N, C-alpha and C. Protein backbone atom coordinates (compact mmCIF):
# COMPACT_ATOMS: atom_id res chain seq x y z
N MET A 1 -39.39 -37.83 -57.95
CA MET A 1 -38.97 -36.57 -57.39
C MET A 1 -40.21 -35.77 -57.05
N THR A 2 -40.25 -35.25 -55.85
CA THR A 2 -41.42 -34.49 -55.43
C THR A 2 -41.35 -33.09 -56.02
N PRO A 3 -42.50 -32.43 -56.11
CA PRO A 3 -42.50 -31.07 -56.67
C PRO A 3 -41.57 -30.11 -55.90
N LYS A 4 -41.48 -30.29 -54.58
CA LYS A 4 -40.62 -29.40 -53.79
C LYS A 4 -39.14 -29.64 -54.14
N ASN A 5 -38.75 -30.91 -54.29
CA ASN A 5 -37.37 -31.22 -54.68
C ASN A 5 -37.06 -30.71 -56.08
N CYS A 6 -38.05 -30.78 -56.96
CA CYS A 6 -37.88 -30.30 -58.32
C CYS A 6 -37.68 -28.78 -58.33
N GLN A 7 -38.44 -28.07 -57.50
CA GLN A 7 -38.29 -26.62 -57.40
C GLN A 7 -36.92 -26.26 -56.83
N THR A 8 -36.48 -27.00 -55.84
CA THR A 8 -35.18 -26.74 -55.25
C THR A 8 -34.07 -26.97 -56.27
N ALA A 9 -34.16 -28.06 -57.01
CA ALA A 9 -33.15 -28.36 -58.03
C ALA A 9 -33.15 -27.28 -59.11
N ALA A 10 -34.32 -26.81 -59.51
CA ALA A 10 -34.40 -25.76 -60.52
C ALA A 10 -33.81 -24.46 -60.00
N ALA A 11 -34.06 -24.15 -58.73
CA ALA A 11 -33.51 -22.92 -58.15
C ALA A 11 -31.98 -22.99 -58.06
N VAL A 12 -31.45 -24.15 -57.67
CA VAL A 12 -30.00 -24.31 -57.59
C VAL A 12 -29.38 -24.21 -58.97
N ALA A 13 -30.00 -24.82 -59.97
CA ALA A 13 -29.50 -24.76 -61.34
C ALA A 13 -29.53 -23.33 -61.87
N ALA A 14 -30.60 -22.60 -61.58
CA ALA A 14 -30.69 -21.21 -62.04
C ALA A 14 -29.63 -20.35 -61.36
N PHE A 15 -29.43 -20.56 -60.07
CA PHE A 15 -28.42 -19.80 -59.35
C PHE A 15 -27.03 -20.10 -59.91
N ALA A 16 -26.75 -21.37 -60.17
CA ALA A 16 -25.45 -21.75 -60.73
C ALA A 16 -25.25 -21.13 -62.11
N ALA A 17 -26.30 -21.09 -62.91
CA ALA A 17 -26.21 -20.48 -64.23
C ALA A 17 -25.93 -18.98 -64.14
N ILE A 18 -26.56 -18.31 -63.19
CA ILE A 18 -26.34 -16.87 -63.01
C ILE A 18 -24.91 -16.61 -62.54
N VAL A 19 -24.43 -17.41 -61.60
CA VAL A 19 -23.06 -17.24 -61.11
C VAL A 19 -22.06 -17.49 -62.24
N LEU A 20 -22.27 -18.55 -63.02
CA LEU A 20 -21.37 -18.87 -64.12
C LEU A 20 -21.37 -17.75 -65.17
N ALA A 21 -22.54 -17.24 -65.49
CA ALA A 21 -22.63 -16.14 -66.46
C ALA A 21 -21.91 -14.90 -65.95
N GLY A 22 -22.04 -14.61 -64.67
CA GLY A 22 -21.34 -13.46 -64.10
C GLY A 22 -19.84 -13.63 -64.12
N MET A 23 -19.38 -14.85 -63.83
CA MET A 23 -17.94 -15.10 -63.86
C MET A 23 -17.38 -14.96 -65.27
N LEU A 24 -18.08 -15.48 -66.25
CA LEU A 24 -17.61 -15.40 -67.63
C LEU A 24 -17.65 -13.97 -68.15
N ARG A 25 -18.62 -13.22 -67.72
CA ARG A 25 -18.75 -11.83 -68.18
C ARG A 25 -17.67 -10.93 -67.59
N SER A 26 -17.31 -11.19 -66.34
CA SER A 26 -16.36 -10.29 -65.68
C SER A 26 -14.91 -10.73 -65.84
N SER A 27 -14.66 -11.90 -66.45
CA SER A 27 -13.28 -12.33 -66.60
C SER A 27 -12.59 -11.49 -67.67
N PRO A 28 -11.33 -11.10 -67.43
CA PRO A 28 -10.63 -10.26 -68.39
C PRO A 28 -10.27 -11.05 -69.64
N LEU A 29 -10.20 -10.35 -70.74
CA LEU A 29 -9.81 -10.99 -71.99
C LEU A 29 -8.30 -11.22 -71.98
N VAL A 30 -7.89 -12.30 -72.57
CA VAL A 30 -6.47 -12.62 -72.64
C VAL A 30 -5.87 -11.85 -73.80
N LYS A 31 -4.73 -11.23 -73.54
CA LYS A 31 -4.09 -10.44 -74.57
C LYS A 31 -2.66 -10.95 -74.76
N ALA A 32 -2.32 -11.30 -75.98
CA ALA A 32 -0.97 -11.75 -76.27
C ALA A 32 -0.05 -10.54 -76.31
N THR A 33 1.14 -10.71 -75.77
CA THR A 33 2.11 -9.61 -75.76
C THR A 33 3.36 -10.05 -76.51
N ASP A 34 4.07 -9.07 -77.00
CA ASP A 34 5.35 -9.35 -77.66
C ASP A 34 6.42 -9.55 -76.61
N ASP A 35 7.35 -10.43 -76.89
CA ASP A 35 8.46 -10.67 -75.97
C ASP A 35 9.68 -9.85 -76.36
N ASP A 36 9.46 -8.61 -76.77
CA ASP A 36 10.56 -7.74 -77.16
C ASP A 36 11.20 -7.06 -75.96
N ASP A 37 10.68 -7.29 -74.78
CA ASP A 37 11.18 -6.63 -73.59
C ASP A 37 12.28 -7.48 -72.94
N ASP A 38 13.41 -7.62 -73.67
CA ASP A 38 14.50 -8.49 -73.20
C ASP A 38 15.14 -7.96 -71.93
N ASP A 39 15.24 -6.65 -71.79
CA ASP A 39 15.86 -6.08 -70.58
C ASP A 39 15.06 -6.45 -69.34
N ARG A 40 13.76 -6.40 -69.45
CA ARG A 40 12.91 -6.75 -68.32
C ARG A 40 13.05 -8.23 -67.99
N ASN A 41 13.10 -9.07 -69.03
CA ASN A 41 13.24 -10.51 -68.81
C ASN A 41 14.58 -10.83 -68.15
N GLU A 42 15.65 -10.18 -68.61
CA GLU A 42 16.97 -10.42 -68.02
C GLU A 42 17.00 -9.98 -66.57
N SER A 43 16.41 -8.82 -66.28
CA SER A 43 16.43 -8.35 -64.89
C SER A 43 15.58 -9.25 -64.01
N THR A 44 14.51 -9.81 -64.55
CA THR A 44 13.68 -10.74 -63.78
C THR A 44 14.46 -12.01 -63.48
N ILE A 45 15.17 -12.52 -64.46
CA ILE A 45 15.98 -13.73 -64.26
C ILE A 45 17.10 -13.45 -63.26
N ARG A 46 17.75 -12.31 -63.42
CA ARG A 46 18.83 -11.95 -62.50
C ARG A 46 18.31 -11.84 -61.07
N ARG A 47 17.14 -11.23 -60.91
CA ARG A 47 16.53 -11.09 -59.58
C ARG A 47 16.18 -12.46 -59.01
N GLY A 48 15.72 -13.36 -59.85
CA GLY A 48 15.40 -14.71 -59.39
C GLY A 48 16.63 -15.43 -58.87
N PHE A 49 17.77 -15.28 -59.54
CA PHE A 49 18.99 -15.91 -59.07
C PHE A 49 19.52 -15.25 -57.80
N GLU A 50 19.23 -13.96 -57.62
CA GLU A 50 19.61 -13.30 -56.37
C GLU A 50 18.80 -13.85 -55.21
N ILE A 51 17.53 -14.13 -55.46
CA ILE A 51 16.66 -14.64 -54.40
C ILE A 51 17.01 -16.09 -54.07
N ALA A 52 17.15 -16.92 -55.10
CA ALA A 52 17.41 -18.35 -54.88
C ALA A 52 18.51 -18.80 -55.84
N PRO A 53 19.76 -18.58 -55.45
CA PRO A 53 20.85 -18.96 -56.35
C PRO A 53 20.92 -20.48 -56.55
N VAL A 54 21.21 -20.87 -57.76
CA VAL A 54 21.31 -22.29 -58.10
C VAL A 54 22.70 -22.52 -58.67
N PRO A 55 23.50 -23.36 -58.03
CA PRO A 55 24.83 -23.64 -58.58
C PRO A 55 24.71 -24.46 -59.86
N LEU A 56 25.41 -24.05 -60.89
CA LEU A 56 25.37 -24.75 -62.16
C LEU A 56 26.72 -25.41 -62.41
N ASN A 57 26.71 -26.68 -62.72
CA ASN A 57 27.92 -27.41 -63.06
C ASN A 57 27.94 -27.60 -64.57
N LEU A 58 28.70 -26.78 -65.26
CA LEU A 58 28.72 -26.82 -66.72
C LEU A 58 30.00 -27.43 -67.27
N THR A 59 30.78 -28.10 -66.43
CA THR A 59 32.01 -28.73 -66.93
C THR A 59 31.62 -29.92 -67.81
N GLU A 60 32.34 -30.04 -68.89
CA GLU A 60 32.14 -31.10 -69.87
C GLU A 60 30.74 -31.11 -70.47
N LYS A 61 30.13 -29.95 -70.53
CA LYS A 61 28.82 -29.82 -71.17
C LYS A 61 28.99 -29.00 -72.44
N SER A 62 28.34 -29.42 -73.50
CA SER A 62 28.40 -28.65 -74.73
C SER A 62 27.14 -27.80 -74.82
N ALA A 63 27.32 -26.59 -75.24
CA ALA A 63 26.19 -25.67 -75.36
C ALA A 63 26.06 -25.25 -76.81
N LEU A 64 24.83 -25.17 -77.27
CA LEU A 64 24.58 -24.67 -78.61
C LEU A 64 24.53 -23.17 -78.57
N VAL A 65 25.29 -22.54 -79.43
CA VAL A 65 25.34 -21.08 -79.46
C VAL A 65 24.73 -20.64 -80.77
N ASP A 66 23.79 -19.70 -80.68
CA ASP A 66 23.14 -19.19 -81.90
C ASP A 66 24.04 -18.24 -82.64
């Protein structure tokens, strides 16, 4: 490897490291949320069925009820 190629490879590696560090620094932290918002979940599901209704055939199907 010639000195010029070595310098180019080092510059590309340094640039990649800087970009990666910036991406990791600016990424938002993940926050777990409680799923106590049942009304919002139901309205989201209801809205989804309004947008793309799916016919359900539940004849002769057993369902587990809590």
